[in-house]
């Protein structure tokens, strides 16, 4: 196990504060909003205040400790999720793409594994693939985050009580790999269950809960799409907590990742991103309610692995006249809308601009609630012609999806009208927020680095 690293000053300050601590946490909740920089958080909070009319901030923003966290990796000023997840989980900065390993490919141990070895129950959950970078960083050790088959085998062997997510990408690598993973799970006493109905079927100490046995393994579905018969992050968090309370009631560690936040931000889908952060904040209530019942024994830390999209409130289209109520008119994610557009392109039916205009009214409130000028409508018409009639437009390619050019134009118009602006479809080097409450929360005040969080948790736990 590689020793955790902190600067001499940071160590001294942390140890001094630890000396003053009266309690040691028995329950640690680690919430990670993937891609959730301060811009997206403030966009969600503004929606919460302006559209929902809430007189209270988001739950995370009510925590007594509010701080910053730097995210650079060992190889770049802009981290990827694997390096960031490794730093958050193990206290070790590594190169982009590497998971659970230091820059020299030496395996490093996560806070979850250390606590599990000390007798704590462990749950690792997400709204995206359970073998994606952030959850994988808590149990796997591979030089490349794309090695999902090897990551899944480590999930089977890690011994954790609960792992959950949309799916396992390794199961899609082919029948041989699929069968090997399933057999590894069985051999290690892991019960695999699927979907909301699977929650009622859990009867084993070790569980892997997935959204579907087949289909989309990338994420459980966007909140804005309101898909039925699927897992949601709040349900996953509730199920994990109930499981840990049953099998490890004296001590447990629980990681909850809002992975869909990152997917929406990579897509530059402002409305979907806001809804995912609100959903993440709802899932946080699961931990906070537990904290209220155990205030002297619980620590909750909320942060992000990195900022995605460079989202800002304000743009040249509206200047000081943002309209967050326009986001409430969005009924489909950019991803779902683009998939529908691609289906229309494959359809033998010929779609007209009037057909599409009616769809834009229904799905986004364009023309009926969101004003569209003659010039903007003509630009949309021209893009419609290029995409659906001439079929000569190029897709926008992002990390998790490819979007037809017409969908890109539509969502940019919605973002512009609401007052949201993006700088990239990738990550940025911006710092991310950190919120904490409970035993030891004061230790996270100030400017943190992402490799300092896990070591503080372990010190608080006496390890």
Foldseek 3Di string as FASTA:
>chain_A
DDDADDDPVLVVVLVVVLVVFPFFFQEEEEEAEAQFFPQLQVLLQCCCCPVVVDPDGQPLVPFPFKEWAFFQAPAGLFEDLQQLLLLQFFLEGDHHFWAQAHPVLHGGAGLQLVVVVVPAAEAQEEQFALLARNNLNHFHGDGGSPVQLRSLLRVLVSPHQYTEYAYGVQCVPDDVSVVVSVVSNVVSFEDEAEFPVRLVVDDTSHYYYHFDPDDHRGGQDFPLQVDPGTDAQLNRLLSVVVSSCVNPVRHYYYYYYLHVLLVLLLLVQSLSNSRSVSSSSSSVVSVVVVCVVVQARYKYKYKYSFHFFAKHFADPLQHPDAASNQSVQARDRLQVVQVVVVVVLVDPDQDDPVNVVVVCCRHRVEPNNQDADPVRVVVLNVLCCCCRPVNPFAWDDTDPDTGTPSSSSSSVSSCSNNRMDGDHSGTDSDIRMMGMHGRPRVSPHYYHYSSPNSVSSVVSNVD
